[in-house]
Amino acid sequence: MKAGLLDMAGSLAEAVVQIAGKLLACAQSLPGPLIERRRRLTEAEMTDIRRVFRSSLAHDNIRVVEGIEGLFSTSDRPFVLGDTVYSKNCDATRESEKLVH
């Protein structure tokens, strides 16, 4: 029972982080100095993603945000929120290992 409760608490915490992150992304994409720069995957990136994930991802929905993106730029490490890859370093998304990871 304890394990079940901990699992439920973890799932709830994950949902809260996802919602908070999406709200922050929306706020930062409003017109002004923090305009979001989203782009589709390049053909090379799409090939790498398909090779690893096959058809388990909606490849056309994935977007990449490169460069400084408000509070999401506090870390140099790329990360994914939903179907968006945030990468402070533009070269990071061009390296297969990092993108697929």
PDB file of N, CA and C in Angstrom:
ATOM      1  N   MET A   1       0.827  -1.183   0.000  1.00  0.00           N
ATOM      2  CA  MET A   1       0.000   0.000   0.000  1.00  0.00           C
ATOM      3  C   MET A   1       0.878   1.256   0.000  1.00  0.00           C
ATOM      4  N   LYS A   2       1.971   1.201   0.774  1.00  0.00           N
ATOM      5  CA  LYS A   2       2.875   2.340   0.840  1.00  0.00           C
ATOM      6  C   LYS A   2       3.461   2.643  -0.538  1.00  0.00           C
ATOM      7  N   ALA A   3       3.863   1.590  -1.245  1.00  0.00           N
ATOM      8  CA  ALA A   3       4.432   1.761  -2.583  1.00  0.00           C
ATOM      9  C   ALA A   3       3.402   2.368  -3.528  1.00  0.00           C
ATOM     10  N   GLY A   4       2.162   1.939  -3.422  1.00  0.00           N
ATOM     11  CA  GLY A   4       1.092   2.480  -4.260  1.00  0.00           C
ATOM     12  C   GLY A   4       0.860   3.958  -3.998  1.00  0.00           C
ATOM     13  N   LEU A   5       0.864   4.353  -2.730  1.00  0.00           N
ATOM     14  CA  LEU A   5       0.674   5.754  -2.371  1.00  0.00           C
ATOM     15  C   LEU A   5       1.841   6.612  -2.863  1.00  0.00           C
ATOM     16  N   LEU A   6       3.060   6.083  -2.738  1.00  0.00           N
ATOM     17  CA  LEU A   6       4.224   6.812  -3.227  1.00  0.00           C
ATOM     18  C   LEU A   6       4.179   6.968  -4.744  1.00  0.00           C
ATOM     19  N   ASP A   7       3.718   5.934  -5.428  1.00  0.00           N
ATOM     20  CA  ASP A   7       3.592   5.991  -6.876  1.00  0.00           C
ATOM     21  C   ASP A   7       2.564   7.045  -7.286  1.00  0.00           C
ATOM     22  N   MET A   8       1.442   7.086  -6.581  1.00  0.00           N
ATOM     23  CA  MET A   8       0.409   8.090  -6.868  1.00  0.00           C
ATOM     24  C   MET A   8       0.936   9.500  -6.605  1.00  0.00           C
ATOM     25  N   ALA A   9       1.674   9.677  -5.510  1.00  0.00           N
ATOM     26  CA  ALA A   9       2.233  10.990  -5.178  1.00  0.00           C
ATOM     27  C   ALA A   9       3.240  11.425  -6.249  1.00  0.00           C
ATOM     28  N   GLY A  10       4.038  10.488  -6.733  1.00  0.00           N
ATOM     29  CA  GLY A  10       4.993  10.800  -7.790  1.00  0.00           C
ATOM     30  C   GLY A  10       4.301  11.216  -9.074  1.00  0.00           C
ATOM     31  N   SER A  11       3.230  10.515  -9.415  1.00  0.00           N
ATOM     32  CA  SER A  11       2.467  10.858 -10.619  1.00  0.00           C
ATOM     33  C   SER A  11       1.831  12.231 -10.496  1.00  0.00           C
ATOM     34  N   LEU A  12       1.308  12.542  -9.324  1.00  0.00           N
ATOM     35  CA  LEU A  12       0.696  13.849  -9.086  1.00  0.00           C
ATOM     36  C   LEU A  12       1.754  14.947  -9.189  1.00  0.00           C
ATOM     37  N   ALA A  13       2.915  14.720  -8.590  1.00  0.00           N
ATOM     38  CA  ALA A  13       4.004  15.706  -8.657  1.00  0.00           C
ATOM     39  C   ALA A  13       4.442  15.931 -10.098  1.00  0.00           C
ATOM     40  N   GLU A  14       4.520  14.863 -10.873  1.00  0.00           N
ATOM     41  CA  GLU A  14       4.900  14.985 -12.280  1.00  0.00           C
ATOM     42  C   GLU A  14       3.883  15.822 -13.051  1.00  0.00           C
ATOM     43  N   ALA A  15       2.609  15.598 -12.788  1.00  0.00           N
ATOM     44  CA  ALA A  15       1.555  16.364 -13.460  1.00  0.00           C
ATOM     45  C   ALA A  15       1.647  17.843 -13.098  1.00  0.00           C
ATOM     46  N   VAL A  16       1.910  18.146 -11.834  1.00  0.00           N
ATOM     47  CA  VAL A  16       2.029  19.534 -11.395  1.00  0.00           C
ATOM     48  C   VAL A  16       3.206  20.214 -12.094  1.00  0.00           C
ATOM     49  N   VAL A  17       4.340  19.526 -12.192  1.00  0.00           N
ATOM     50  CA  VAL A  17       5.521  20.089 -12.858  1.00  0.00           C
ATOM     51  C   VAL A  17       5.225  20.321 -14.340  1.00  0.00           C
ATOM     52  N   GLN A  18       4.558  19.373 -14.991  1.00  0.00           N
ATOM     53  CA  GLN A  18       4.208  19.526 -16.411  1.00  0.00           C
ATOM     54  C   GLN A  18       3.308  20.740 -16.622  1.00  0.00           C
ATOM     55  N   ILE A  19       2.283  20.883 -15.796  1.00  0.00           N
ATOM     56  CA  ILE A  19       1.351  22.006 -15.937  1.00  0.00           C
ATOM     57  C   ILE A  19       2.064  23.328 -15.668  1.00  0.00           C
ATOM     58  N   ALA A  20       2.869  23.379 -14.601  1.00  0.00           N
ATOM     59  CA  ALA A  20       3.600  24.607 -14.285  1.00  0.00           C
ATOM     60  C   ALA A  20       4.565  24.971 -15.415  1.00  0.00           C
ATOM     61  N   GLY A  21       5.243  23.981 -15.963  1.00  0.00           N
ATOM     62  CA  GLY A  21       6.160  24.224 -17.070  1.00  0.00           C
ATOM     63  C   GLY A  21       5.454  24.740 -18.308  1.00  0.00           C
ATOM     64  N   LYS A  22       4.309  24.157 -18.631  1.00  0.00           N
ATOM     65  CA  LYS A  22       3.541  24.608 -19.800  1.00  0.00           C
ATOM     66  C   LYS A  22       3.012  26.030 -19.595  1.00  0.00           C
ATOM     67  N   LEU A  23       2.561  26.351 -18.374  1.00  0.00           N
ATOM     68  CA  LEU A  23       2.097  27.714 -18.089  1.00  0.00           C
ATOM     69  C   LEU A  23       3.245  28.716 -18.239  1.00  0.00           C
ATOM     70  N   LEU A  24       4.428  28.352 -17.757  1.00  0.00           N
ATOM     71  CA  LEU A  24       5.592  29.216 -17.888  1.00  0.00           C
ATOM     72  C   LEU A  24       5.958  29.388 -19.364  1.00  0.00           C
ATOM     73  N   ALA A  25       5.904  28.311 -20.127  1.00  0.00           N
ATOM     74  CA  ALA A  25       6.206  28.386 -21.561  1.00  0.00           C
ATOM     75  C   ALA A  25       5.227  29.321 -22.270  1.00  0.00           C
ATOM     76  N   CYS A  26       3.950  29.246 -21.905  1.00  0.00           N
ATOM     77  CA  CYS A  26       2.943  30.136 -22.503  1.00  0.00           C
ATOM     78  C   CYS A  26       3.234  31.589 -22.150  1.00  0.00           C
ATOM     79  N   ALA A  27       3.538  31.850 -20.883  1.00  0.00           N
ATOM     80  CA  ALA A  27       3.813  33.219 -20.442  1.00  0.00           C
ATOM     81  C   ALA A  27       5.043  33.776 -21.152  1.00  0.00           C
ATOM     82  N   GLN A  28       6.065  32.959 -21.337  1.00  0.00           N
ATOM     83  CA  GLN A  28       7.289  33.414 -21.979  1.00  0.00           C
ATOM     84  C   GLN A  28       7.146  33.597 -23.477  1.00  0.00           C
ATOM     85  N   SER A  29       6.127  33.008 -24.081  1.00  0.00           N
ATOM     86  CA  SER A  29       5.969  33.126 -25.530  1.00  0.00           C
ATOM     87  C   SER A  29       5.125  34.338 -25.917  1.00  0.00           C
ATOM     88  N   LEU A  30       4.654  35.107 -24.931  1.00  0.00           N
ATOM     89  CA  LEU A  30       3.915  36.325 -25.226  1.00  0.00           C
ATOM     90  C   LEU A  30       4.852  37.325 -25.903  1.00  0.00           C
ATOM     91  N   PRO A  31       4.308  38.217 -26.707  1.00  0.00           N
ATOM     92  CA  PRO A  31       5.160  39.203 -27.378  1.00  0.00           C
ATOM     93  C   PRO A  31       6.013  39.976 -26.371  1.00  0.00           C
ATOM     94  N   GLY A  32       7.210  40.263 -26.767  1.00  0.00           N
ATOM     95  CA  GLY A  32       8.136  40.982 -25.904  1.00  0.00           C
ATOM     96  C   GLY A  32       9.525  40.392 -26.018  1.00  0.00           C
ATOM     97  N   PRO A  33      10.352  40.597 -25.004  1.00  0.00           N
ATOM     98  CA  PRO A  33      11.738  40.148 -25.099  1.00  0.00           C
ATOM     99  C   PRO A  33      11.915  38.634 -25.042  1.00  0.00           C
ATOM    100  N   LEU A  34      10.905  37.895 -24.617  1.00  0.00           N
ATOM    101  CA  LEU A  34      11.055  36.452 -24.487  1.00  0.00           C
ATOM    102  C   LEU A  34      10.233  35.687 -25.529  1.00  0.00           C
ATOM    103  N   ILE A  35      10.218  36.188 -26.758  1.00  0.00           N
ATOM    104  CA  ILE A  35       9.441  35.525 -27.809  1.00  0.00           C
ATOM    105  C   ILE A  35      10.047  34.158 -28.088  1.00  0.00           C
ATOM    106  N   GLU A  36       9.214  33.158 -28.076  1.00  0.00           N
ATOM    107  CA  GLU A  36       9.664  31.783 -28.279  1.00  0.00           C
ATOM    108  C   GLU A  36      10.042  31.550 -29.736  1.00  0.00           C
ATOM    109  N   ARG A  37      11.169  30.901 -29.934  1.00  0.00           N
ATOM    110  CA  ARG A  37      11.647  30.577 -31.271  1.00  0.00           C
ATOM    111  C   ARG A  37      11.544  29.074 -31.478  1.00  0.00           C
ATOM    112  N   ARG A  38      10.415  28.624 -31.964  1.00  0.00           N
ATOM    113  CA  ARG A  38      10.195  27.196 -32.200  1.00  0.00           C
ATOM    114  C   ARG A  38      10.444  26.879 -33.659  1.00  0.00           C
ATOM    115  N   ARG A  39      11.012  25.699 -33.882  1.00  0.00           N
ATOM    116  CA  ARG A  39      11.184  25.236 -35.260  1.00  0.00           C
ATOM    117  C   ARG A  39      10.886  23.749 -35.306  1.00  0.00           C
ATOM    118  N   ARG A  40      10.573  23.284 -36.508  1.00  0.00           N
ATOM    119  CA  ARG A  40      10.375  21.852 -36.716  1.00  0.00           C
ATOM    120  C   ARG A  40      11.731  21.160 -36.758  1.00  0.00           C
ATOM    121  N   LEU A  41      11.708  19.846 -36.631  1.00  0.00           N
ATOM    122  CA  LEU A  41      12.940  19.065 -36.767  1.00  0.00           C
ATOM    123  C   LEU A  41      13.427  19.136 -38.210  1.00  0.00           C
ATOM    124  N   THR A  42      14.736  19.153 -38.374  1.00  0.00           N
ATOM    125  CA  THR A  42      15.298  19.082 -39.718  1.00  0.00           C
ATOM    126  C   THR A  42      15.137  17.647 -40.217  1.00  0.00           C
ATOM    127  N   GLU A  43      15.377  17.443 -41.492  1.00  0.00           N
ATOM    128  CA  GLU A  43      15.279  16.084 -42.048  1.00  0.00           C
ATOM    129  C   GLU A  43      16.283  15.143 -41.380  1.00  0.00           C
ATOM    130  N   ALA A  44      17.502  15.634 -41.127  1.00  0.00           N
ATOM    131  CA  ALA A  44      18.516  14.803 -40.476  1.00  0.00           C
ATOM    132  C   ALA A  44      18.073  14.438 -39.052  1.00  0.00           C
ATOM    133  N   GLU A  45      17.534  15.403 -38.317  1.00  0.00           N
ATOM    134  CA  GLU A  45      17.054  15.138 -36.958  1.00  0.00           C
ATOM    135  C   GLU A  45      15.885  14.159 -36.987  1.00  0.00           C
ATOM    136  N   MET A  46      14.993  14.339 -37.967  1.00  0.00           N
ATOM    137  CA  MET A  46      13.836  13.455 -38.107  1.00  0.00           C
ATOM    138  C   MET A  46      14.296  12.018 -38.367  1.00  0.00           C
ATOM    139  N   THR A  47      15.319  11.854 -39.201  1.00  0.00           N
ATOM    140  CA  THR A  47      15.865  10.527 -39.492  1.00  0.00           C
ATOM    141  C   THR A  47      16.410   9.873 -38.230  1.00  0.00           C
ATOM    142  N   ASP A  48      17.162  10.646 -37.426  1.00  0.00           N
ATOM    143  CA  ASP A  48      17.713  10.114 -36.175  1.00  0.00           C
ATOM    144  C   ASP A  48      16.606   9.719 -35.204  1.00  0.00           C
ATOM    145  N   ILE A  49      15.593  10.557 -35.090  1.00  0.00           N
ATOM    146  CA  ILE A  49      14.476  10.278 -34.174  1.00  0.00           C
ATOM    147  C   ILE A  49      13.730   9.020 -34.625  1.00  0.00           C
ATOM    148  N   ARG A  50      13.458   8.908 -35.912  1.00  0.00           N
ATOM    149  CA  ARG A  50      12.734   7.736 -36.427  1.00  0.00           C
ATOM    150  C   ARG A  50      13.530   6.454 -36.239  1.00  0.00           C
ATOM    151  N   ARG A  51      14.848   6.549 -36.382  1.00  0.00           N
ATOM    152  CA  ARG A  51      15.701   5.372 -36.233  1.00  0.00           C
ATOM    153  C   ARG A  51      15.593   4.794 -34.815  1.00  0.00           C
ATOM    154  N   VAL A  52      15.490   5.659 -33.826  1.00  0.00           N
ATOM    155  CA  VAL A  52      15.450   5.212 -32.435  1.00  0.00           C
ATOM    156  C   VAL A  52      14.024   4.922 -31.972  1.00  0.00           C
ATOM    157  N   PHE A  53      13.108   5.841 -32.225  1.00  0.00           N
ATOM    158  CA  PHE A  53      11.755   5.732 -31.666  1.00  0.00           C
ATOM    159  C   PHE A  53      10.729   5.144 -32.623  1.00  0.00           C
ATOM    160  N   ARG A  54      11.121   4.932 -33.870  1.00  0.00           N
ATOM    161  CA  ARG A  54      10.241   4.394 -34.911  1.00  0.00           C
ATOM    162  C   ARG A  54       8.944   5.182 -34.958  1.00  0.00           C
ATOM    163  N   SER A  55       7.805   4.561 -34.784  1.00  0.00           N
ATOM    164  CA  SER A  55       6.526   5.276 -34.877  1.00  0.00           C
ATOM    165  C   SER A  55       5.904   5.562 -33.512  1.00  0.00           C
ATOM    166  N   SER A  56       6.698   5.479 -32.441  1.00  0.00           N
ATOM    167  CA  SER A  56       6.137   5.688 -31.102  1.00  0.00           C
ATOM    168  C   SER A  56       5.981   7.168 -30.744  1.00  0.00           C
ATOM    169  N   LEU A  57       6.520   8.057 -31.558  1.00  0.00           N
ATOM    170  CA  LEU A  57       6.380   9.493 -31.328  1.00  0.00           C
ATOM    171  C   LEU A  57       5.636  10.139 -32.485  1.00  0.00           C
ATOM    172  N   ALA A  58       4.951  11.235 -32.189  1.00  0.00           N
ATOM    173  CA  ALA A  58       4.330  12.036 -33.247  1.00  0.00           C
ATOM    174  C   ALA A  58       5.411  13.003 -33.747  1.00  0.00           C
ATOM    175  N   HIS A  59       6.228  12.551 -34.671  1.00  0.00           N
ATOM    176  CA  HIS A  59       7.401  13.293 -35.121  1.00  0.00           C
ATOM    177  C   HIS A  59       7.078  14.697 -35.608  1.00  0.00           C
ATOM    178  N   ASP A  60       5.944  14.871 -36.263  1.00  0.00           N
ATOM    179  CA  ASP A  60       5.586  16.179 -36.803  1.00  0.00           C
ATOM    180  C   ASP A  60       5.200  17.178 -35.720  1.00  0.00           C
ATOM    181  N   ASN A  61       4.924  16.700 -34.516  1.00  0.00           N
ATOM    182  CA  ASN A  61       4.552  17.599 -33.421  1.00  0.00           C
ATOM    183  C   ASN A  61       5.751  18.109 -32.628  1.00  0.00           C
ATOM    184  N   ILE A  62       6.908  17.506 -32.812  1.00  0.00           N
ATOM    185  CA  ILE A  62       8.095  17.881 -32.042  1.00  0.00           C
ATOM    186  C   ILE A  62       8.622  19.220 -32.539  1.00  0.00           C
ATOM    187  N   ARG A  63       8.925  20.111 -31.586  1.00  0.00           N
ATOM    188  CA  ARG A  63       9.490  21.413 -31.907  1.00  0.00           C
ATOM    189  C   ARG A  63      10.776  21.609 -31.109  1.00  0.00           C
ATOM    190  N   VAL A  64      11.679  22.408 -31.649  1.00  0.00           N
ATOM    191  CA  VAL A  64      12.949  22.708 -30.996  1.00  0.00           C
ATOM    192  C   VAL A  64      13.012  24.212 -30.773  1.00  0.00           C
ATOM    193  N   VAL A  65      13.355  24.607 -29.547  1.00  0.00           N
ATOM    194  CA  VAL A  65      13.563  26.014 -29.220  1.00  0.00           C
ATOM    195  C   VAL A  65      15.052  26.177 -28.948  1.00  0.00           C
ATOM    196  N   GLU A  66      15.713  26.996 -29.760  1.00  0.00           N
ATOM    197  CA  GLU A  66      17.150  27.195 -29.632  1.00  0.00           C
ATOM    198  C   GLU A  66      17.438  28.576 -29.052  1.00  0.00           C
ATOM    199  N   GLY A  67      18.514  28.671 -28.306  1.00  0.00           N
ATOM    200  CA  GLY A  67      18.936  29.951 -27.762  1.00  0.00           C
ATOM    201  C   GLY A  67      18.306  30.231 -26.411  1.00  0.00           C
ATOM    202  N   ILE A  68      18.453  31.459 -25.954  1.00  0.00           N
ATOM    203  CA  ILE A  68      17.973  31.854 -24.629  1.00  0.00           C
ATOM    204  C   ILE A  68      16.455  31.915 -24.622  1.00  0.00           C
ATOM    205  N   GLU A  69      15.854  31.279 -23.645  1.00  0.00           N
ATOM    206  CA  GLU A  69      14.399  31.210 -23.541  1.00  0.00           C
ATOM    207  C   GLU A  69      13.970  31.455 -22.095  1.00  0.00           C
ATOM    208  N   GLY A  70      14.205  32.659 -21.618  1.00  0.00           N
ATOM    209  CA  GLY A  70      13.742  33.044 -20.286  1.00  0.00           C
ATOM    210  C   GLY A  70      14.252  32.131 -19.189  1.00  0.00           C
ATOM    211  N   LEU A  71      13.363  31.734 -18.299  1.00  0.00           N
ATOM    212  CA  LEU A  71      13.749  30.892 -17.169  1.00  0.00           C
ATOM    213  C   LEU A  71      14.203  29.501 -17.589  1.00  0.00           C
ATOM    214  N   PHE A  72      13.824  29.064 -18.778  1.00  0.00           N
ATOM    215  CA  PHE A  72      14.258  27.755 -19.247  1.00  0.00           C
ATOM    216  C   PHE A  72      15.736  27.765 -19.623  1.00  0.00           C
ATOM    217  N   SER A  73      16.373  28.920 -19.632  1.00  0.00           N
ATOM    218  CA  SER A  73      17.780  29.030 -20.002  1.00  0.00           C
ATOM    219  C   SER A  73      18.709  29.037 -18.799  1.00  0.00           C
ATOM    220  N   THR A  74      18.199  28.764 -17.626  1.00  0.00           N
ATOM    221  CA  THR A  74      19.044  28.797 -16.434  1.00  0.00           C
ATOM    222  C   THR A  74      20.035  27.636 -16.411  1.00  0.00           C
ATOM    223  N   SER A  75      19.795  26.612 -17.175  1.00  0.00           N
ATOM    224  CA  SER A  75      20.697  25.464 -17.264  1.00  0.00           C
ATOM    225  C   SER A  75      21.248  25.378 -18.682  1.00  0.00           C
ATOM    226  N   ASP A  76      22.487  24.947 -18.816  1.00  0.00           N
ATOM    227  CA  ASP A  76      23.080  24.763 -20.144  1.00  0.00           C
ATOM    228  C   ASP A  76      22.639  23.467 -20.796  1.00  0.00           C
ATOM    229  N   ARG A  77      21.984  22.605 -20.035  1.00  0.00           N
ATOM    230  CA  ARG A  77      21.583  21.297 -20.547  1.00  0.00           C
ATOM    231  C   ARG A  77      20.252  21.380 -21.279  1.00  0.00           C
ATOM    232  N   PRO A  78      20.149  20.734 -22.445  1.00  0.00           N
ATOM    233  CA  PRO A  78      18.863  20.676 -23.137  1.00  0.00           C
ATOM    234  C   PRO A  78      17.882  19.824 -22.336  1.00  0.00           C
ATOM    235  N   PHE A  79      16.604  20.123 -22.441  1.00  0.00           N
ATOM    236  CA  PHE A  79      15.587  19.299 -21.795  1.00  0.00           C
ATOM    237  C   PHE A  79      14.316  19.334 -22.619  1.00  0.00           C
ATOM    238  N   VAL A  80      13.428  18.406 -22.315  1.00  0.00           N
ATOM    239  CA  VAL A  80      12.177  18.282 -23.059  1.00  0.00           C
ATOM    240  C   VAL A  80      11.011  18.533 -22.124  1.00  0.00           C
ATOM    241  N   LEU A  81      10.066  19.335 -22.583  1.00  0.00           N
ATOM    242  CA  LEU A  81       8.824  19.584 -21.864  1.00  0.00           C
ATOM    243  C   LEU A  81       7.696  19.322 -22.853  1.00  0.00           C
ATOM    244  N   GLY A  82       6.982  18.231 -22.627  1.00  0.00           N
ATOM    245  CA  GLY A  82       5.935  17.838 -23.578  1.00  0.00           C
ATOM    246  C   GLY A  82       6.576  17.402 -24.885  1.00  0.00           C
ATOM    247  N   ASP A  83       6.257  18.095 -25.966  1.00  0.00           N
ATOM    248  CA  ASP A  83       6.828  17.754 -27.270  1.00  0.00           C
ATOM    249  C   ASP A  83       7.783  18.845 -27.765  1.00  0.00           C
ATOM    250  N   THR A  84       8.321  19.634 -26.819  1.00  0.00           N
ATOM    251  CA  THR A  84       9.240  20.713 -27.159  1.00  0.00           C
ATOM    252  C   THR A  84      10.608  20.458 -26.542  1.00  0.00           C
ATOM    253  N   VAL A  85      11.655  20.540 -27.371  1.00  0.00           N
ATOM    254  CA  VAL A  85      13.032  20.387 -26.914  1.00  0.00           C
ATOM    255  C   VAL A  85      13.600  21.791 -26.729  1.00  0.00           C
ATOM    256  N   TYR A  86      14.019  22.113 -25.511  1.00  0.00           N
ATOM    257  CA  TYR A  86      14.634  23.412 -25.219  1.00  0.00           C
ATOM    258  C   TYR A  86      16.133  23.228 -25.189  1.00  0.00           C
ATOM    259  N   SER A  87      16.834  23.983 -26.034  1.00  0.00           N
ATOM    260  CA  SER A  87      18.279  23.849 -26.138  1.00  0.00           C
ATOM    261  C   SER A  87      18.918  25.226 -26.157  1.00  0.00           C
ATOM    262  N   LYS A  88      19.627  25.571 -25.087  1.00  0.00           N
ATOM    263  CA  LYS A  88      20.293  26.871 -25.016  1.00  0.00           C
ATOM    264  C   LYS A  88      21.410  26.946 -26.052  1.00  0.00           C
ATOM    265  N   ASN A  89      22.095  25.833 -26.252  1.00  0.00           N
ATOM    266  CA  ASN A  89      23.183  25.764 -27.212  1.00  0.00           C
ATOM    267  C   ASN A  89      22.628  25.234 -28.526  1.00  0.00           C
ATOM    268  N   CYS A  90      22.648  26.036 -29.567  1.00  0.00           N
ATOM    269  CA  CYS A  90      22.064  25.638 -30.854  1.00  0.00           C
ATOM    270  C   CYS A  90      22.666  24.361 -31.412  1.00  0.00           C
ATOM    271  N   ASP A  91      23.954  24.117 -31.155  1.00  0.00           N
ATOM    272  CA  ASP A  91      24.607  22.921 -31.693  1.00  0.00           C
ATOM    273  C   ASP A  91      24.133  21.643 -31.013  1.00  0.00           C
ATOM    274  N   ALA A  92      23.575  21.746 -29.804  1.00  0.00           N
ATOM    275  CA  ALA A  92      23.195  20.548 -29.052  1.00  0.00           C
ATOM    276  C   ALA A  92      22.140  19.736 -29.777  1.00  0.00           C
ATOM    277  N   THR A  93      21.219  20.379 -30.473  1.00  0.00           N
ATOM    278  CA  THR A  93      20.161  19.629 -31.144  1.00  0.00           C
ATOM    279  C   THR A  93      20.645  18.993 -32.427  1.00  0.00           C
ATOM    280  N   ARG A  94      21.794  19.402 -32.921  1.00  0.00           N
ATOM    281  CA  ARG A  94      22.322  18.821 -34.156  1.00  0.00           C
ATOM    282  C   ARG A  94      23.161  17.577 -33.885  1.00  0.00           C
ATOM    283  N   GLU A  95      23.417  17.291 -32.651  1.00  0.00           N
ATOM    284  CA  GLU A  95      24.156  16.097 -32.296  1.00  0.00           C
ATOM    285  C   GLU A  95      23.157  14.998 -31.968  1.00  0.00           C
ATOM    286  N   SER A  96      23.148  13.950 -32.765  1.00  0.00           N
ATOM    287  CA  SER A  96      22.157  12.865 -32.626  1.00  0.00           C
ATOM    288  C   SER A  96      21.995  12.369 -31.201  1.00  0.00           C
ATOM    289  N   GLU A  97      23.120  12.121 -30.557  1.00  0.00           N
ATOM    290  CA  GLU A  97      23.066  11.559 -29.201  1.00  0.00           C
ATOM    291  C   GLU A  97      22.241  12.417 -28.274  1.00  0.00           C
ATOM    292  N   LYS A  98      22.504  13.710 -28.281  1.00  0.00           N
ATOM    293  CA  LYS A  98      21.813  14.623 -27.375  1.00  0.00           C
ATOM    294  C   LYS A  98      20.340  14.763 -27.733  1.00  0.00           C
ATOM    295  N   LEU A  99      20.052  14.858 -29.013  1.00  0.00           N
ATOM    296  CA  LEU A  99      18.666  15.015 -29.434  1.00  0.00           C
ATOM    297  C   LEU A  99      17.850  13.788 -29.084  1.00  0.00           C
ATOM    298  N   VAL A 100      18.373  12.620 -29.360  1.00  0.00           N
ATOM    299  CA  VAL A 100      17.646  11.380 -29.106  1.00  0.00           C
ATOM    300  C   VAL A 100      17.529  11.130 -27.607  1.00  0.00           C
ATOM    301  N   HIS A 101      18.555  11.509 -26.854  1.00  0.00           N
ATOM    302  CA  HIS A 101      18.514  11.321 -25.398  1.00  0.00           C
ATOM    303  C   HIS A 101      17.377  12.132 -24.822  1.00  0.00           C
TER     304      HIS A 101
END
